[in-house]
Amino acid sequence: MKGVSKSYGRTNTDISRLSHSNSLLTSQITDSSTDKAIRFETFVTQCRNTAPHLSKHPKARQITTEYISRSNTVGREQKDNPFLFDDYFSMFLDKHHEEIPEIREVKIYHNFEKILGIHCVFEVGNEKIRAPVYVGTDADLGYEEATLTVDKGDSIVELSGFADKCVHRLRLRTFYGQVVEAGGHAGKPFKSLFKPNQKLLFIGGSATEQIDSLYAYY
């Protein structure tokens, strides 16, 4: 299907290793200072969850204009030195953009039983912004890749899968019907982390040997 691809490979130098310090990101996530709160509110105001590209579509009336929200977390954050990641806090919270960042690509690293890593590429105006690649150490044993490319005028409207102590499987679907699924079927199924009339903006979560937990901003 157009926009969806899969491949097989091993870890390489462009993948962020979990051995790198995550103290800065942890600080960003837990910081509750006044100026941080003000920057958050400013960004929230900019990022109303609208979908103007759907204005002429028959289902456009279903699209809401709610402020940015964070979903529940699926999986489980490990207690022993987890690697925390959050594209919203680490990449966009302190930046001013005239336009709302749009996800243009999601790459999932996985094996036959669980999700090993995830990577998003954003577009702001005509600029492509690549997030870090978040991957667990089990990817050293080998992994497969599943990639969803999101066209302009399209959005990710479903993020569902299977999870328990980690994230076992992910399913992503766009408004215009592109779908990618990756991982195993262990754990319990979870429904989309947001409603069909909302769209995925950013992701966050934690990792050790694999992606342990995941949540979405929408």
Foldseek 3Di string as FASTA:
>chain_A
DPQKDKFWDFDDDQADALVDDQVVVVCLVPDPDPVLVVLQVVVQVQCFQAQVLCVVPPCNVLADRHTKDKFDKFFAADPPSWRKDWCCRPPPSPDDAPHAKAWFKKKWKEDAWATFWIWTWIDGPNDIDTDHIGGAQLSNVITMMMMGGADPSKFWQFWWAFYYNAGAKIWIAIPVGDIDIDGYHPHHTDTGRDHNSGGFRIKIAIYYNGGRMIMTMD
